[in-house]
Amino acid sequence: MSVLAQARPRAEPIPEIATEEPLVLENVRWSTYQALLKDLGDRPIHLTYDQGRLEIMTLSATHEILKKWIGRLIENLSAELDLDIKSLGSTTISRKELKRGLEPDECYYIGNEPLVRGKMKINFKKDPPPDLAVEVDVSRSSSSRQSVYAALGVPEMWRYDEHLHVLHLQGGKYVERNHSLSFPFLPMPDMEGFIDQIREVRETALIRSFRRWVQKEILPKYKSHKP
């Protein structure tokens, strides 16, 4: 474990403002799921469709704070490394022939970024799935969504539930590992530390601190890791 992770006391959880309890409906048609996606638009709601099972989840302020913060860290990391990524946010990833679909909290093309570079519309039947998806679990578990991610072929998930879990897709299931596929040079306990500090430190100050850390500690590793 890193020095940062050892020295940092466990932060208190962000107080919940709204409770995330999913509404689950069975035997829902694909056409109904698609109609709901269209009608709900950009409302703070996630729909997870798994072969007729529809889960509807409203998103709390706590959830949105954490998922946005993790996204900012990933995006600032890639900027400091001059690493090309494509950010899709909570874009709906769905495949009619698989009868599965969902909206990640955040998702990114990293290794496969050249394959979708410049595209403003992604066809998930032809284009690869994102390389990395981020899931924030505040008062619910994303385990019901993992089978959907697996069927869609997303190779890596980061799941945050007061701890940062890195999951690799292996043999059709997710297995927890201690390193990232997309950022193998990145010490994940330190990433968890920067996520936790959002409870205590101003965002702008914390971003500056994070970028200095990347420049000093991560950039040399990244340069040596590059082929």
Protein backbone atom coordinates (compact mmCIF):
# COMPACT_ATOMS: atom_id res chain seq x y z
CA MET A 1 0.00 0.00 0.00
CA SER A 2 1.28 3.50 -0.81
CA VAL A 3 2.49 6.02 1.75
CA LEU A 4 -0.44 8.28 0.87
CA ALA A 5 -2.96 5.50 1.51
CA GLN A 6 -1.30 4.56 4.83
CA ALA A 7 -1.08 8.10 6.16
CA ARG A 8 -4.55 9.22 5.15
CA PRO A 9 -7.33 8.54 7.68
CA ARG A 10 -10.53 7.13 6.31
CA ALA A 11 -12.80 10.06 5.45
CA GLU A 12 -16.32 10.26 6.73
CA PRO A 13 -18.96 9.37 4.11
CA ILE A 14 -20.65 12.23 2.32
CA PRO A 15 -24.10 12.62 3.95
CA GLU A 16 -26.85 11.20 1.80
CA ILE A 17 -29.31 13.72 0.39
CA ALA A 18 -31.51 11.25 -1.45
CA THR A 19 -31.89 7.50 -1.17
CA GLU A 20 -31.11 5.42 -4.22
CA GLU A 21 -33.58 2.55 -4.31
CA PRO A 22 -34.19 0.98 -7.72
CA LEU A 23 -37.57 0.22 -9.17
CA VAL A 24 -37.39 -3.18 -10.88
CA LEU A 25 -39.86 -4.27 -13.56
CA GLU A 26 -39.93 -7.70 -15.17
CA ASN A 27 -41.00 -8.75 -18.68
CA VAL A 28 -40.46 -5.29 -20.19
CA ARG A 29 -40.23 -5.18 -23.99
CA TRP A 30 -37.16 -3.78 -25.73
CA SER A 31 -39.38 -1.23 -27.48
CA THR A 32 -40.65 -0.01 -24.09
CA TYR A 33 -37.09 0.38 -22.84
CA GLN A 34 -36.16 2.38 -25.94
CA ALA A 35 -39.23 4.60 -25.58
CA LEU A 36 -38.35 5.34 -21.95
CA LEU A 37 -34.80 6.27 -22.93
CA LYS A 38 -36.18 8.76 -25.43
CA ASP A 39 -38.86 10.21 -23.14
CA LEU A 40 -36.66 10.54 -20.04
CA GLY A 41 -33.97 12.41 -21.94
CA ASP A 42 -31.27 13.90 -19.69
CA ARG A 43 -33.09 13.44 -16.38
CA PRO A 44 -30.88 12.14 -13.51
CA ILE A 45 -32.14 8.58 -13.92
CA HIS A 46 -30.33 5.43 -14.98
CA LEU A 47 -32.09 2.61 -16.81
CA THR A 48 -30.56 -0.86 -16.83
CA TYR A 49 -32.11 -3.36 -19.22
CA ASP A 50 -31.19 -7.03 -18.98
CA GLN A 51 -33.22 -9.37 -21.20
CA GLY A 52 -36.62 -8.06 -20.13
CA ARG A 53 -35.66 -6.94 -16.62
CA LEU A 54 -35.70 -3.15 -16.29
CA GLU A 55 -34.13 -1.38 -13.32
CA ILE A 56 -34.92 2.32 -12.88
CA MET A 57 -32.62 4.24 -10.55
CA THR A 58 -32.81 7.89 -9.49
CA LEU A 59 -29.45 9.49 -8.73
CA SER A 60 -28.66 11.40 -5.54
CA ALA A 61 -26.47 14.47 -5.22
CA THR A 62 -23.86 12.34 -3.43
CA HIS A 63 -23.72 9.95 -6.36
CA GLU A 64 -23.33 12.76 -8.88
CA ILE A 65 -20.62 14.51 -6.84
CA LEU A 66 -18.53 11.36 -6.64
CA LYS A 67 -18.98 10.19 -10.24
CA LYS A 68 -18.18 13.66 -11.58
CA TRP A 69 -15.09 13.87 -9.38
CA ILE A 70 -13.74 10.48 -10.48
CA GLY A 71 -14.31 11.55 -14.06
CA ARG A 72 -12.35 14.76 -13.50
CA LEU A 73 -9.43 12.80 -12.08
CA ILE A 74 -9.34 10.45 -15.09
CA GLU A 75 -9.56 13.33 -17.53
CA ASN A 76 -6.86 15.37 -15.79
CA LEU A 77 -4.66 12.29 -15.61
CA SER A 78 -4.93 11.75 -19.36
CA ALA A 79 -4.29 15.45 -20.02
CA GLU A 80 -1.08 15.46 -17.96
CA LEU A 81 0.11 12.29 -19.70
CA ASP A 82 -0.88 13.64 -23.14
CA LEU A 83 -2.82 10.40 -23.53
CA ASP A 84 -5.63 10.43 -26.08
CA ILE A 85 -8.99 9.37 -24.65
CA LYS A 86 -12.59 9.80 -25.74
CA SER A 87 -15.05 10.62 -22.95
CA LEU A 88 -18.60 9.36 -23.39
CA GLY A 89 -19.96 10.27 -19.94
CA SER A 90 -23.26 8.49 -19.32
CA THR A 91 -23.95 7.65 -22.96
CA THR A 92 -26.41 4.78 -23.26
CA ILE A 93 -24.63 1.58 -24.32
CA SER A 94 -27.17 -0.89 -25.72
CA ARG A 95 -27.34 -3.82 -28.09
CA LYS A 96 -30.75 -4.91 -29.38
CA GLU A 97 -29.56 -8.39 -30.39
CA LEU A 98 -28.28 -8.92 -26.83
CA LYS A 99 -31.37 -7.31 -25.26
CA ARG A 100 -29.14 -5.41 -22.88
CA GLY A 101 -28.39 -1.77 -22.22
CA LEU A 102 -27.40 0.74 -19.56
CA GLU A 103 -25.89 4.16 -18.86
CA PRO A 104 -22.52 4.12 -17.10
CA ASP A 105 -21.74 6.78 -14.54
CA GLU A 106 -18.72 7.62 -16.72
CA CYS A 107 -17.03 5.74 -19.55
CA TYR A 108 -13.98 6.19 -21.75
CA TYR A 109 -12.23 4.93 -24.84
CA ILE A 110 -8.52 4.71 -24.11
CA GLY A 111 -6.73 1.89 -25.94
CA ASN A 112 -9.46 1.86 -28.59
CA GLU A 113 -9.65 5.64 -28.88
CA PRO A 114 -8.15 5.65 -32.41
CA LEU A 115 -11.05 3.46 -33.60
CA VAL A 116 -13.67 6.07 -32.62
CA ARG A 117 -11.63 9.25 -32.98
CA GLY A 118 -13.70 12.08 -34.41
CA LYS A 119 -16.97 10.15 -34.24
CA MET A 120 -19.90 12.02 -32.71
CA LYS A 121 -22.18 9.00 -32.88
CA ILE A 122 -21.15 5.54 -31.76
CA ASN A 123 -22.75 2.39 -33.19
CA PHE A 124 -22.15 -0.24 -30.51
CA LYS A 125 -23.07 -3.01 -32.93
CA LYS A 126 -20.07 -2.09 -35.08
CA ASP A 127 -17.81 -0.02 -32.83
CA PRO A 128 -16.04 -1.51 -29.81
CA PRO A 129 -17.42 -0.87 -26.31
CA PRO A 130 -15.64 1.68 -24.11
CA ASP A 131 -12.40 0.48 -22.52
CA LEU A 132 -13.30 1.70 -19.03
CA ALA A 133 -16.59 2.23 -17.20
CA VAL A 134 -16.98 3.91 -13.81
CA GLU A 135 -19.71 2.93 -11.35
CA VAL A 136 -20.38 4.72 -8.06
CA ASP A 137 -22.27 2.71 -5.42
CA VAL A 138 -23.66 5.01 -2.74
CA SER A 139 -26.53 3.04 -1.24
CA ARG A 140 -27.01 0.34 -3.87
CA SER A 141 -24.83 -2.27 -5.50
CA SER A 142 -23.79 -2.24 -9.13
CA SER A 143 -23.56 -6.04 -9.11
CA SER A 144 -26.85 -6.30 -11.02
CA ARG A 145 -25.28 -4.15 -13.75
CA GLN A 146 -22.08 -6.15 -14.04
CA SER A 147 -23.72 -8.90 -16.09
CA VAL A 148 -24.89 -6.24 -18.56
CA TYR A 149 -21.43 -4.70 -18.79
CA ALA A 150 -19.98 -8.18 -19.29
CA ALA A 151 -22.41 -9.02 -22.09
CA LEU A 152 -21.59 -5.70 -23.77
CA GLY A 153 -17.88 -6.55 -23.56
CA VAL A 154 -16.58 -3.62 -21.47
CA PRO A 155 -13.10 -4.87 -20.46
CA GLU A 156 -12.66 -2.85 -17.26
CA MET A 157 -14.81 -1.34 -14.51
CA TRP A 158 -13.92 0.94 -11.63
CA ARG A 159 -16.45 0.56 -8.82
CA TYR A 160 -16.36 3.02 -5.93
CA ASP A 161 -18.22 2.29 -2.69
CA GLU A 162 -16.00 4.07 -0.12
CA HIS A 163 -13.21 1.93 -1.62
CA LEU A 164 -12.03 1.81 -5.23
CA HIS A 165 -12.37 -1.64 -6.79
CA VAL A 166 -10.77 -2.44 -10.16
CA LEU A 167 -12.56 -5.17 -12.09
CA HIS A 168 -11.28 -6.94 -15.22
CA LEU A 169 -13.54 -8.88 -17.59
CA GLN A 170 -12.27 -12.47 -17.72
CA GLY A 171 -14.19 -15.44 -19.03
CA GLY A 172 -17.41 -13.47 -19.24
CA LYS A 173 -17.26 -12.31 -15.59
CA TYR A 174 -15.57 -9.51 -13.66
CA VAL A 175 -12.64 -10.35 -11.42
CA GLU A 176 -11.16 -7.88 -8.94
CA ARG A 177 -7.53 -6.96 -9.54
CA ASN A 178 -5.07 -4.51 -7.99
CA HIS A 179 -4.11 -2.73 -11.21
CA SER A 180 -5.87 -1.03 -14.10
CA LEU A 181 -5.85 -2.37 -17.65
CA SER A 182 -6.14 1.14 -19.04
CA PHE A 183 -3.57 2.71 -16.69
CA PRO A 184 -1.29 -0.19 -15.58
CA PHE A 185 1.33 2.22 -14.20
CA LEU A 186 -1.19 3.90 -11.85
CA PRO A 187 -1.11 3.08 -8.09
CA MET A 188 -4.79 2.53 -7.34
CA PRO A 189 -4.55 3.16 -3.54
CA ASP A 190 -3.34 6.68 -4.36
CA MET A 191 -6.25 7.17 -6.75
CA GLU A 192 -8.60 6.11 -3.98
CA GLY A 193 -6.93 8.66 -1.72
CA PHE A 194 -7.56 11.49 -4.15
CA ILE A 195 -11.19 10.41 -4.56
CA ASP A 196 -11.71 10.42 -0.78
CA GLN A 197 -10.24 13.90 -0.34
CA ILE A 198 -13.18 15.47 -2.17
CA ARG A 199 -14.92 15.29 1.22
CA GLU A 200 -12.34 17.60 2.77
CA VAL A 201 -10.57 19.74 0.14
CA ARG A 202 -11.77 22.32 -2.38
CA GLU A 203 -12.04 20.82 -5.88
CA THR A 204 -9.79 23.36 -7.58
CA ALA A 205 -7.05 23.01 -4.96
CA LEU A 206 -7.31 19.24 -5.09
CA ILE A 207 -7.06 19.16 -8.88
CA ARG A 208 -3.87 21.25 -8.69
CA SER A 209 -2.47 18.83 -6.12
CA PHE A 210 -3.45 15.86 -8.25
CA ARG A 211 -1.84 17.26 -11.37
CA ARG A 212 1.41 17.98 -9.50
CA TRP A 213 1.39 14.39 -8.21
CA VAL A 214 0.85 13.03 -11.74
CA GLN A 215 3.70 15.16 -13.11
CA LYS A 216 6.11 14.05 -10.38
CA GLU A 217 5.14 10.44 -9.68
CA ILE A 218 3.15 9.09 -12.65
CA LEU A 219 4.52 10.75 -15.77
CA PRO A 220 8.00 9.17 -15.40
CA LYS A 221 6.42 5.72 -14.96
CA TYR A 222 4.18 6.30 -17.97
CA LYS A 223 7.11 7.32 -20.16
CA SER A 224 9.09 4.24 -19.14
CA HIS A 225 6.02 2.03 -19.70
CA LYS A 226 5.41 3.26 -23.24
CA PRO A 227 6.79 0.94 -25.98
